Amino acid sequence: MKQYRRRFGDRREGRLLRSIPGFAKFIPFIMPQRNDRFIHYEESFEITPLDRRLRELRVQGYKGIGILHFLIATYIRTVSMLPGINRFVVGRRIYARNDIEVVMTVKRDLRIDSTETTIKVHFEPTDTIFDVYRKMNEKIEEIKTSDENNNTEDVADAFARLPRFLIRFALAIVRMLDYFGWLPQSLLDASPFHGSMIITDLGSLRIGPVYHHIYNFGTLPVFIAFGAKYHKYEINRHGRVEDRKYIDTKMVLDEGTVDGHYYAQLLRAFRYIFEHPEIVETPPTKVVEDVR
């Protein structure tokens, strides 16, 4: 993304939007908590062509490439066209994020007693599904092959060792620092509550998606969950029965960043990319920048 000279009122992770309408600036005061602004949306996407293409890519050497990589690549491509979905609200102000940060919870293995942690992966709006595949695999492999805690777990462990009243006091200080944009970069990097989007792959657990809340703390404006793929037998326009594959998705969106019409554009873009999955295999010809 284009680099801007930081101005008074900007934050480390984003720049203050100064030209948006006054009503939009007023929304965070009317609905100060993120759960006041939730929009819930669900959609079933046909993945028959996508599933075929992913199998071809796995044969070509992209072992394990799947729906998760495609959904993240779809989100990134949508940000390149509709940068408003990468905004965030904090301190009752609306900011445009400087980069794309995707957060995901990862279990070190699929045993019930296995520990889990979060990863945060940085992307550019020009990244393709192959960039997503490489960056996600590097982060996940780093977690699964290491016995040591990552930064997120280290910070959580440090807080957990404190007495309860000190934890409450420390978190009050952290919230105050976050409100004014004074959190150090090290805490922003470690926090799973600060990012562009958080995603969960419930298909890997062979279950359907859930509506997952967005946290009131932090800056995450989007939570996407998707479930296991399934088959449906449908009659095509020639009267023949076809076996088609689908996945169900559920999204929770923060309406404090953009309005419902803008999110409708996002969802239409998602649907179009699912129908033309080859789009995310090449960089976009143009990246749209958010307003000042």
C-alpha atoms as a PDB file:
ATOM      1  CA  MET A   1       0.000   0.000   0.000  1.00  0.00           C
ATOM      2  CA  LYS A   2       1.024   3.554  -0.532  1.00  0.00           C
ATOM      3  CA  GLN A   3       3.012   5.000   2.361  1.00  0.00           C
ATOM      4  CA  TYR A   4       1.753   8.244   3.867  1.00  0.00           C
ATOM      5  CA  ARG A   5       3.630  10.690   6.011  1.00  0.00           C
ATOM      6  CA  ARG A   6       2.233  10.243   9.497  1.00  0.00           C
ATOM      7  CA  ARG A   7       0.147  13.185  10.731  1.00  0.00           C
ATOM      8  CA  PHE A   8      -1.164  14.216  14.117  1.00  0.00           C
ATOM      9  CA  GLY A   9      -4.059  11.925  15.036  1.00  0.00           C
ATOM     10  CA  ASP A  10      -2.751   8.929  13.071  1.00  0.00           C
ATOM     11  CA  ARG A  11      -1.837   5.654  14.763  1.00  0.00           C
ATOM     12  CA  ARG A  12       1.036   3.250  14.251  1.00  0.00           C
ATOM     13  CA  GLU A  13      -1.197   0.788  12.406  1.00  0.00           C
ATOM     14  CA  GLY A  14      -3.413   3.220  10.518  1.00  0.00           C
ATOM     15  CA  ARG A  15      -4.185   6.759   9.449  1.00  0.00           C
ATOM     16  CA  LEU A  16      -7.127   8.807  10.653  1.00  0.00           C
ATOM     17  CA  LEU A  17      -9.838   9.269   8.018  1.00  0.00           C
ATOM     18  CA  ARG A  18     -10.547  12.979   7.894  1.00  0.00           C
ATOM     19  CA  SER A  19     -12.741  13.341   4.793  1.00  0.00           C
ATOM     20  CA  ILE A  20     -15.515  10.847   5.592  1.00  0.00           C
ATOM     21  CA  PRO A  21     -19.024  12.283   6.212  1.00  0.00           C
ATOM     22  CA  GLY A  22     -19.855  13.640   9.632  1.00  0.00           C
ATOM     23  CA  PHE A  23     -22.574  11.027  10.190  1.00  0.00           C
ATOM     24  CA  ALA A  24     -20.003   8.235   9.759  1.00  0.00           C
ATOM     25  CA  LYS A  25     -17.749   9.929  12.316  1.00  0.00           C
ATOM     26  CA  PHE A  26     -20.709  10.113  14.693  1.00  0.00           C
ATOM     27  CA  ILE A  27     -21.539   6.362  14.588  1.00  0.00           C
ATOM     28  CA  PRO A  28     -18.784   5.285  17.043  1.00  0.00           C
ATOM     29  CA  PHE A  29     -20.239   7.698  19.609  1.00  0.00           C
ATOM     30  CA  ILE A  30     -23.767   6.309  19.179  1.00  0.00           C
ATOM     31  CA  MET A  31     -22.531   2.680  19.243  1.00  0.00           C
ATOM     32  CA  PRO A  32     -19.255   2.785  21.196  1.00  0.00           C
ATOM     33  CA  GLN A  33     -18.866  -1.002  21.625  1.00  0.00           C
ATOM     34  CA  ARG A  34     -18.109  -3.211  18.664  1.00  0.00           C
ATOM     35  CA  ASN A  35     -20.865  -5.654  19.622  1.00  0.00           C
ATOM     36  CA  ASP A  36     -23.331  -2.740  19.273  1.00  0.00           C
ATOM     37  CA  ARG A  37     -22.421  -2.615  15.572  1.00  0.00           C
ATOM     38  CA  PHE A  38     -22.454  -6.310  14.601  1.00  0.00           C
ATOM     39  CA  ILE A  39     -23.859  -7.358  11.227  1.00  0.00           C
ATOM     40  CA  HIS A  40     -24.419 -11.105  10.830  1.00  0.00           C
ATOM     41  CA  TYR A  41     -24.354 -12.607   7.352  1.00  0.00           C
ATOM     42  CA  GLU A  42     -24.336 -16.134   5.991  1.00  0.00           C
ATOM     43  CA  GLU A  43     -23.856 -17.380   2.466  1.00  0.00           C
ATOM     44  CA  SER A  44     -23.424 -20.723   0.736  1.00  0.00           C
ATOM     45  CA  PHE A  45     -20.860 -20.633  -2.061  1.00  0.00           C
ATOM     46  CA  GLU A  46     -20.693 -23.217  -4.816  1.00  0.00           C
ATOM     47  CA  ILE A  47     -17.111 -24.483  -5.020  1.00  0.00           C
ATOM     48  CA  THR A  48     -17.353 -27.070  -7.814  1.00  0.00           C
ATOM     49  CA  PRO A  49     -14.962 -25.221 -10.199  1.00  0.00           C
ATOM     50  CA  LEU A  50     -12.812 -24.034  -7.281  1.00  0.00           C
ATOM     51  CA  ASP A  51     -12.460 -27.554  -5.864  1.00  0.00           C
ATOM     52  CA  ARG A  52     -11.394 -28.820  -9.291  1.00  0.00           C
ATOM     53  CA  ARG A  53      -8.790 -26.041  -9.600  1.00  0.00           C
ATOM     54  CA  LEU A  54      -7.416 -26.640  -6.109  1.00  0.00           C
ATOM     55  CA  ARG A  55      -6.931 -30.331  -6.930  1.00  0.00           C
ATOM     56  CA  GLU A  56      -4.981 -29.312 -10.038  1.00  0.00           C
ATOM     57  CA  LEU A  57      -2.776 -26.994  -7.961  1.00  0.00           C
ATOM     58  CA  ARG A  58      -2.089 -29.754  -5.434  1.00  0.00           C
ATOM     59  CA  VAL A  59      -0.989 -32.015  -8.299  1.00  0.00           C
ATOM     60  CA  GLN A  60       1.315 -29.192  -9.459  1.00  0.00           C
ATOM     61  CA  GLY A  61       3.098 -29.229  -6.089  1.00  0.00           C
ATOM     62  CA  TYR A  62       1.051 -26.889  -3.875  1.00  0.00           C
ATOM     63  CA  LYS A  63       0.525 -29.555  -1.236  1.00  0.00           C
ATOM     64  CA  GLY A  64      -2.378 -28.805   1.080  1.00  0.00           C
ATOM     65  CA  ILE A  65      -3.606 -25.708  -0.745  1.00  0.00           C
ATOM     66  CA  GLY A  66      -7.289 -25.377   0.034  1.00  0.00           C
ATOM     67  CA  ILE A  67     -10.353 -23.314   0.798  1.00  0.00           C
ATOM     68  CA  LEU A  68      -8.601 -21.460   3.632  1.00  0.00           C
ATOM     69  CA  HIS A  69      -5.934 -20.075   1.300  1.00  0.00           C
ATOM     70  CA  PHE A  70      -8.555 -19.208  -1.297  1.00  0.00           C
ATOM     71  CA  LEU A  71     -10.799 -17.368   1.175  1.00  0.00           C
ATOM     72  CA  ILE A  72      -7.901 -15.307   2.497  1.00  0.00           C
ATOM     73  CA  ALA A  73      -6.808 -14.523  -1.073  1.00  0.00           C
ATOM     74  CA  THR A  74     -10.402 -13.543  -1.880  1.00  0.00           C
ATOM     75  CA  TYR A  75     -10.494 -11.180   1.094  1.00  0.00           C
ATOM     76  CA  ILE A  76      -7.157  -9.623   0.040  1.00  0.00           C
ATOM     77  CA  ARG A  77      -8.353  -9.150  -3.536  1.00  0.00           C
ATOM     78  CA  THR A  78     -11.532  -7.528  -2.243  1.00  0.00           C
ATOM     79  CA  VAL A  79      -9.460  -5.121  -0.127  1.00  0.00           C
ATOM     80  CA  SER A  80      -7.604  -4.114  -3.285  1.00  0.00           C
ATOM     81  CA  MET A  81     -10.952  -3.098  -4.814  1.00  0.00           C
ATOM     82  CA  LEU A  82     -12.870  -1.974  -1.702  1.00  0.00           C
ATOM     83  CA  PRO A  83     -10.284  -0.668   0.788  1.00  0.00           C
ATOM     84  CA  GLY A  84     -12.971   0.479   3.230  1.00  0.00           C
ATOM     85  CA  ILE A  85     -13.354  -3.058   4.551  1.00  0.00           C
ATOM     86  CA  ASN A  86      -9.818  -2.739   5.942  1.00  0.00           C
ATOM     87  CA  ARG A  87     -10.771   0.164   8.196  1.00  0.00           C
ATOM     88  CA  PHE A  88     -11.079  -0.085  11.948  1.00  0.00           C
ATOM     89  CA  VAL A  89     -12.675   1.857  14.794  1.00  0.00           C
ATOM     90  CA  VAL A  90     -10.862   2.595  18.038  1.00  0.00           C
ATOM     91  CA  GLY A  91     -11.013   5.532  20.408  1.00  0.00           C
ATOM     92  CA  ARG A  92     -14.319   6.489  18.690  1.00  0.00           C
ATOM     93  CA  ARG A  93     -12.439   7.341  15.499  1.00  0.00           C
ATOM     94  CA  ILE A  94     -12.248   5.592  12.129  1.00  0.00           C
ATOM     95  CA  TYR A  95      -8.877   4.690  10.624  1.00  0.00           C
ATOM     96  CA  ALA A  96      -7.604   3.184   7.379  1.00  0.00           C
ATOM     97  CA  ARG A  97      -5.211   0.342   8.136  1.00  0.00           C
ATOM     98  CA  ASN A  98      -1.703   0.602   6.730  1.00  0.00           C
ATOM     99  CA  ASP A  99      -1.444  -3.055   5.756  1.00  0.00           C
ATOM    100  CA  ILE A 100      -3.472  -6.280   5.711  1.00  0.00           C
ATOM    101  CA  GLU A 101      -3.155  -8.471   8.817  1.00  0.00           C
ATOM    102  CA  VAL A 102      -4.997 -11.792   8.976  1.00  0.00           C
ATOM    103  CA  VAL A 103      -5.352 -13.495  12.358  1.00  0.00           C
ATOM    104  CA  MET A 104      -6.001 -17.202  12.838  1.00  0.00           C
ATOM    105  CA  THR A 105      -6.033 -19.651  15.735  1.00  0.00           C
ATOM    106  CA  VAL A 106      -3.847 -22.709  15.187  1.00  0.00           C
ATOM    107  CA  LYS A 107      -3.705 -25.962  17.166  1.00  0.00           C
ATOM    108  CA  ARG A 108      -0.284 -27.556  17.190  1.00  0.00           C
ATOM    109  CA  ASP A 109      -2.021 -30.842  16.381  1.00  0.00           C
ATOM    110  CA  LEU A 110      -5.600 -32.160  16.385  1.00  0.00           C
ATOM    111  CA  ARG A 111      -5.541 -33.871  19.808  1.00  0.00           C
ATOM    112  CA  ILE A 112      -8.149 -32.520  22.267  1.00  0.00           C
ATOM    113  CA  ASP A 113      -5.446 -31.703  24.822  1.00  0.00           C
ATOM    114  CA  SER A 114      -3.172 -30.056  22.268  1.00  0.00           C
ATOM    115  CA  THR A 115      -2.291 -26.421  22.924  1.00  0.00           C
ATOM    116  CA  GLU A 116      -3.425 -23.687  20.573  1.00  0.00           C
ATOM    117  CA  THR A 117      -2.090 -20.283  19.728  1.00  0.00           C
ATOM    118  CA  THR A 118      -2.750 -17.496  17.268  1.00  0.00           C
ATOM    119  CA  ILE A 119      -0.805 -16.391  14.238  1.00  0.00           C
ATOM    120  CA  LYS A 120      -0.885 -13.036  12.513  1.00  0.00           C
ATOM    121  CA  VAL A 121       0.212 -12.908   8.889  1.00  0.00           C
ATOM    122  CA  HIS A 122       0.912  -9.695   6.976  1.00  0.00           C
ATOM    123  CA  PHE A 123      -0.175  -9.370   3.354  1.00  0.00           C
ATOM    124  CA  GLU A 124      -0.086  -6.816   0.554  1.00  0.00           C
ATOM    125  CA  PRO A 125      -3.181  -6.001  -1.566  1.00  0.00           C
ATOM    126  CA  THR A 126      -1.273  -7.341  -4.598  1.00  0.00           C
ATOM    127  CA  ASP A 127      -0.761 -10.798  -3.052  1.00  0.00           C
ATOM    128  CA  THR A 128      -2.127 -13.831  -4.911  1.00  0.00           C
ATOM    129  CA  ILE A 129      -3.283 -17.189  -3.591  1.00  0.00           C
ATOM    130  CA  PHE A 130       0.291 -18.428  -4.074  1.00  0.00           C
ATOM    131  CA  ASP A 131       1.621 -15.655  -1.804  1.00  0.00           C
ATOM    132  CA  VAL A 132      -1.059 -16.570   0.749  1.00  0.00           C
ATOM    133  CA  TYR A 133      -0.097 -20.253   0.529  1.00  0.00           C
ATOM    134  CA  ARG A 134       3.580 -19.481   1.111  1.00  0.00           C
ATOM    135  CA  LYS A 135       3.132 -16.967   3.941  1.00  0.00           C
ATOM    136  CA  MET A 136       0.509 -18.995   5.807  1.00  0.00           C
ATOM    137  CA  ASN A 137       2.503 -22.211   5.538  1.00  0.00           C
ATOM    138  CA  GLU A 138       5.646 -20.496   6.822  1.00  0.00           C
ATOM    139  CA  LYS A 139       3.815 -19.166   9.890  1.00  0.00           C
ATOM    140  CA  ILE A 140       1.962 -22.412  10.637  1.00  0.00           C
ATOM    141  CA  GLU A 141       5.097 -24.504  10.219  1.00  0.00           C
ATOM    142  CA  GLU A 142       6.966 -22.152  12.539  1.00  0.00           C
ATOM    143  CA  ILE A 143       4.318 -22.701  15.230  1.00  0.00           C
ATOM    144  CA  LYS A 144       3.966 -26.471  14.817  1.00  0.00           C
ATOM    145  CA  THR A 145       7.697 -27.213  14.808  1.00  0.00           C
ATOM    146  CA  SER A 146       8.542 -25.018  17.796  1.00  0.00           C
ATOM    147  CA  ASP A 147       8.114 -26.033  21.418  1.00  0.00           C
ATOM    148  CA  GLU A 148       8.532 -22.425  22.501  1.00  0.00           C
ATOM    149  CA  ASN A 149       5.749 -19.911  22.993  1.00  0.00           C
ATOM    150  CA  ASN A 150       5.254 -17.181  20.430  1.00  0.00           C
ATOM    151  CA  ASN A 151       4.911 -13.509  21.346  1.00  0.00           C
ATOM    152  CA  THR A 152       1.154 -13.800  21.932  1.00  0.00           C
ATOM    153  CA  GLU A 153       1.580 -16.647  24.420  1.00  0.00           C
ATOM    154  CA  ASP A 154       4.478 -14.896  26.176  1.00  0.00           C
ATOM    155  CA  VAL A 155       2.372 -11.767  26.746  1.00  0.00           C
ATOM    156  CA  ALA A 156      -0.620 -13.816  27.933  1.00  0.00           C
ATOM    157  CA  ASP A 157       1.567 -15.820  30.325  1.00  0.00           C
ATOM    158  CA  ALA A 158       3.095 -12.630  31.731  1.00  0.00           C
ATOM    159  CA  PHE A 159      -0.371 -11.212  32.479  1.00  0.00           C
ATOM    160  CA  ALA A 160      -1.655 -14.517  33.869  1.00  0.00           C
ATOM    161  CA  ARG A 161       1.072 -14.634  36.513  1.00  0.00           C
ATOM    162  CA  LEU A 162      -0.218 -11.420  38.090  1.00  0.00           C
ATOM    163  CA  PRO A 163      -2.819 -11.314  40.889  1.00  0.00           C
ATOM    164  CA  ARG A 164      -6.355 -10.747  39.618  1.00  0.00           C
ATOM    165  CA  PHE A 165      -6.589  -7.128  40.735  1.00  0.00           C
ATOM    166  CA  LEU A 166      -3.295  -6.362  38.970  1.00  0.00           C
ATOM    167  CA  ILE A 167      -4.522  -8.055  35.791  1.00  0.00           C
ATOM    168  CA  ARG A 168      -7.595  -5.825  35.810  1.00  0.00           C
ATOM    169  CA  PHE A 169      -5.458  -2.769  36.455  1.00  0.00           C
ATOM    170  CA  ALA A 170      -2.940  -3.715  33.748  1.00  0.00           C
ATOM    171  CA  LEU A 171      -5.705  -4.323  31.214  1.00  0.00           C
ATOM    172  CA  ALA A 172      -7.262  -0.956  32.075  1.00  0.00           C
ATOM    173  CA  ILE A 173      -3.907   0.660  31.291  1.00  0.00           C
ATOM    174  CA  VAL A 174      -3.647  -1.299  28.025  1.00  0.00           C
ATOM    175  CA  ARG A 175      -7.156  -0.232  27.004  1.00  0.00           C
ATOM    176  CA  MET A 176      -6.331   3.400  27.761  1.00  0.00           C
ATOM    177  CA  LEU A 177      -3.133   3.208  25.715  1.00  0.00           C
ATOM    178  CA  ASP A 178      -5.046   1.588  22.859  1.00  0.00           C
ATOM    179  CA  TYR A 179      -7.754   4.260  22.996  1.00  0.00           C
ATOM    180  CA  PHE A 180      -5.205   7.007  22.424  1.00  0.00           C
ATOM    181  CA  GLY A 181      -3.039   5.003  20.006  1.00  0.00           C
ATOM    182  CA  TRP A 182      -0.107   4.710  22.375  1.00  0.00           C
ATOM    183  CA  LEU A 183       0.305   0.932  22.449  1.00  0.00           C
ATOM    184  CA  PRO A 184       3.899  -0.060  21.631  1.00  0.00           C
ATOM    185  CA  GLN A 185       4.447  -1.873  18.354  1.00  0.00           C
ATOM    186  CA  SER A 186       5.571  -5.011  20.199  1.00  0.00           C
ATOM    187  CA  LEU A 187       2.142  -5.338  21.844  1.00  0.00           C
ATOM    188  CA  LEU A 188       0.337  -4.627  18.571  1.00  0.00           C
ATOM    189  CA  ASP A 189       2.362  -7.371  16.887  1.00  0.00           C
ATOM    190  CA  ALA A 190       1.588  -9.848  19.674  1.00  0.00           C
ATOM    191  CA  SER A 191      -2.105  -9.019  20.049  1.00  0.00           C
ATOM    192  CA  PRO A 192      -4.580 -11.367  18.313  1.00  0.00           C
ATOM    193  CA  PHE A 193      -7.219  -8.659  18.802  1.00  0.00           C
ATOM    194  CA  HIS A 194      -5.588  -6.174  16.433  1.00  0.00           C
ATOM    195  CA  GLY A 195      -5.767  -6.920  12.723  1.00  0.00           C
ATOM    196  CA  SER A 196      -7.753  -6.688   9.509  1.00  0.00           C
ATOM    197  CA  MET A 197      -9.673  -9.934   9.694  1.00  0.00           C
ATOM    198  CA  ILE A 198      -9.824 -13.115  11.758  1.00  0.00           C
ATOM    199  CA  ILE A 199     -10.766 -16.400  10.095  1.00  0.00           C
ATOM    200  CA  THR A 200     -11.537 -19.888  11.357  1.00  0.00           C
ATOM    201  CA  ASP A 201     -11.599 -23.106   9.329  1.00  0.00           C
ATOM    202  CA  LEU A 202     -14.267 -25.291  10.954  1.00  0.00           C
ATOM    203  CA  GLY A 203     -14.295 -27.508   7.886  1.00  0.00           C
ATOM    204  CA  SER A 204     -11.068 -29.050   9.198  1.00  0.00           C
ATOM    205  CA  LEU A 205     -13.126 -30.224  12.207  1.00  0.00           C
ATOM    206  CA  ARG A 206     -15.875 -31.562   9.898  1.00  0.00           C
ATOM    207  CA  ILE A 207     -18.501 -29.197  11.275  1.00  0.00           C
ATOM    208  CA  GLY A 208     -20.445 -26.228   9.971  1.00  0.00           C
ATOM    209  CA  PRO A 209     -19.592 -22.556  10.544  1.00  0.00           C
ATOM    210  CA  VAL A 210     -20.682 -20.478  13.536  1.00  0.00           C
ATOM    211  CA  TYR A 211     -21.335 -16.799  14.100  1.00  0.00           C
ATOM    212  CA  HIS A 212     -18.314 -15.795  16.146  1.00  0.00           C
ATOM    213  CA  HIS A 213     -18.356 -12.482  17.991  1.00  0.00           C
ATOM    214  CA  ILE A 214     -15.831  -9.775  17.212  1.00  0.00           C
ATOM    215  CA  TYR A 215     -13.912  -8.687  20.299  1.00  0.00           C
ATOM    216  CA  ASN A 216     -14.735  -5.332  21.856  1.00  0.00           C
ATOM    217  CA  PHE A 217     -11.050  -4.909  22.621  1.00  0.00           C
ATOM    218  CA  GLY A 218      -8.704  -4.254  19.717  1.00  0.00           C
ATOM    219  CA  THR A 219      -9.386  -3.321  16.113  1.00  0.00           C
ATOM    220  CA  LEU A 220     -10.664  -6.424  14.277  1.00  0.00           C
ATOM    221  CA  PRO A 221     -13.691  -5.477  12.102  1.00  0.00           C
ATOM    222  CA  VAL A 222     -14.363  -8.824  10.351  1.00  0.00           C
ATOM    223  CA  PHE A 223     -14.709 -12.450  11.519  1.00  0.00           C
ATOM    224  CA  ILE A 224     -15.193 -15.151   8.881  1.00  0.00           C
ATOM    225  CA  ALA A 225     -15.990 -18.784   9.669  1.00  0.00           C
ATOM    226  CA  PHE A 226     -16.458 -21.503   7.077  1.00  0.00           C
ATOM    227  CA  GLY A 227     -17.478 -25.128   7.368  1.00  0.00           C
ATOM    228  CA  ALA A 228     -16.887 -28.468   5.703  1.00  0.00           C
ATOM    229  CA  LYS A 229     -17.663 -28.831   2.023  1.00  0.00           C
ATOM    230  CA  TYR A 230     -20.723 -30.856   1.086  1.00  0.00           C
ATOM    231  CA  HIS A 231     -22.550 -32.152  -2.001  1.00  0.00           C
ATOM    232  CA  LYS A 232     -25.930 -31.128  -3.413  1.00  0.00           C
ATOM    233  CA  TYR A 233     -27.670 -32.754  -6.360  1.00  0.00           C
ATOM    234  CA  GLU A 234     -29.303 -30.066  -8.493  1.00  0.00           C
ATOM    235  CA  ILE A 235     -31.046 -29.928 -11.850  1.00  0.00           C
ATOM    236  CA  ASN A 236     -29.206 -27.815 -14.412  1.00  0.00           C
ATOM    237  CA  ARG A 237     -30.807 -25.707 -17.146  1.00  0.00           C
ATOM    238  CA  HIS A 238     -30.771 -28.728 -19.491  1.00  0.00           C
ATOM    239  CA  GLY A 239     -32.847 -30.790 -17.064  1.00  0.00           C
ATOM    240  CA  ARG A 240     -29.995 -33.060 -16.022  1.00  0.00           C
ATOM    241  CA  VAL A 241     -29.017 -33.789 -12.424  1.00  0.00           C
ATOM    242  CA  GLU A 242     -25.578 -32.489 -11.440  1.00  0.00           C
ATOM    243  CA  ASP A 243     -23.479 -33.144  -8.355  1.00  0.00           C
ATOM    244  CA  ARG A 244     -22.318 -29.755  -7.039  1.00  0.00           C
ATOM    245  CA  LYS A 245     -20.136 -28.896  -4.077  1.00  0.00           C
ATOM    246  CA  TYR A 246     -20.740 -26.088  -1.581  1.00  0.00           C
ATOM    247  CA  ILE A 247     -19.359 -24.550   1.574  1.00  0.00           C
ATOM    248  CA  ASP A 248     -21.295 -22.497   4.099  1.00  0.00           C
ATOM    249  CA  THR A 249     -19.783 -19.298   5.482  1.00  0.00           C
ATOM    250  CA  LYS A 250     -20.853 -17.037   8.319  1.00  0.00           C
ATOM    251  CA  MET A 251     -19.494 -13.547   8.778  1.00  0.00           C
ATOM    252  CA  VAL A 252     -19.679 -10.987  11.567  1.00  0.00           C
ATOM    253  CA  LEU A 253     -18.946  -7.460  10.350  1.00  0.00           C
ATOM    254  CA  ASP A 254     -18.432  -4.133  12.116  1.00  0.00           C
ATOM    255  CA  GLU A 255     -20.836  -1.568  10.645  1.00  0.00           C
ATOM    256  CA  GLY A 256     -18.889   1.247  12.261  1.00  0.00           C
ATOM    257  CA  THR A 257     -16.284   1.133   9.496  1.00  0.00           C
ATOM    258  CA  VAL A 258     -18.515   1.228   6.400  1.00  0.00           C
ATOM    259  CA  ASP A 259     -22.261   1.113   5.751  1.00  0.00           C
ATOM    260  CA  GLY A 260     -24.430  -1.803   4.658  1.00  0.00           C
ATOM    261  CA  HIS A 261     -24.261  -0.836   0.985  1.00  0.00           C
ATOM    262  CA  TYR A 262     -20.474  -1.035   1.068  1.00  0.00           C
ATOM    263  CA  TYR A 263     -20.614  -4.481   2.682  1.00  0.00           C
ATOM    264  CA  ALA A 264     -23.073  -5.558  -0.024  1.00  0.00           C
ATOM    265  CA  GLN A 265     -20.377  -4.680  -2.587  1.00  0.00           C
ATOM    266  CA  LEU A 266     -17.945  -6.829  -0.600  1.00  0.00           C
ATOM    267  CA  LEU A 267     -20.288  -9.819  -0.629  1.00  0.00           C
ATOM    268  CA  ARG A 268     -20.986  -9.455  -4.356  1.00  0.00           C
ATOM    269  CA  ALA A 269     -17.233  -9.358  -4.991  1.00  0.00           C
ATOM    270  CA  PHE A 270     -16.822 -12.546  -2.911  1.00  0.00           C
ATOM    271  CA  ARG A 271     -19.517 -14.285  -4.952  1.00  0.00           C
ATOM    272  CA  TYR A 272     -17.935 -13.232  -8.246  1.00  0.00           C
ATOM    273  CA  ILE A 273     -14.481 -14.451  -7.218  1.00  0.00           C
ATOM    274  CA  PHE A 274     -15.907 -17.816  -6.109  1.00  0.00           C
ATOM    275  CA  GLU A 275     -17.441 -18.115  -9.583  1.00  0.00           C
ATOM    276  CA  HIS A 276     -14.093 -17.168 -11.208  1.00  0.00           C
ATOM    277  CA  PRO A 277     -11.424 -18.610  -8.859  1.00  0.00           C
ATOM    278  CA  GLU A 278      -8.593 -18.013 -11.330  1.00  0.00           C
ATOM    279  CA  ILE A 279      -8.807 -14.296 -10.514  1.00  0.00           C
ATOM    280  CA  VAL A 280      -6.743 -14.675  -7.338  1.00  0.00           C
ATOM    281  CA  GLU A 281      -3.909 -16.458  -9.139  1.00  0.00           C
ATOM    282  CA  THR A 282      -2.562 -13.220 -10.618  1.00  0.00           C
ATOM    283  CA  PRO A 283      -2.013  -9.794  -8.994  1.00  0.00           C
ATOM    284  CA  PRO A 284      -4.684  -7.127  -9.500  1.00  0.00           C
ATOM    285  CA  THR A 285      -4.102  -4.650 -12.327  1.00  0.00           C
ATOM    286  CA  LYS A 286      -5.078  -1.793 -10.024  1.00  0.00           C
ATOM    287  CA  VAL A 287      -5.168  -1.213  -6.272  1.00  0.00           C
ATOM    288  CA  VAL A 288      -7.777   1.273  -5.064  1.00  0.00           C
ATOM    289  CA  GLU A 289      -6.664   3.453  -2.137  1.00  0.00           C
ATOM    290  CA  ASP A 290      -8.933   4.503   0.671  1.00  0.00           C
ATOM    291  CA  VAL A 291     -10.058   8.086   1.054  1.00  0.00           C
ATOM    292  CA  ARG A 292      -8.010  10.571   3.042  1.00  0.00           C
END
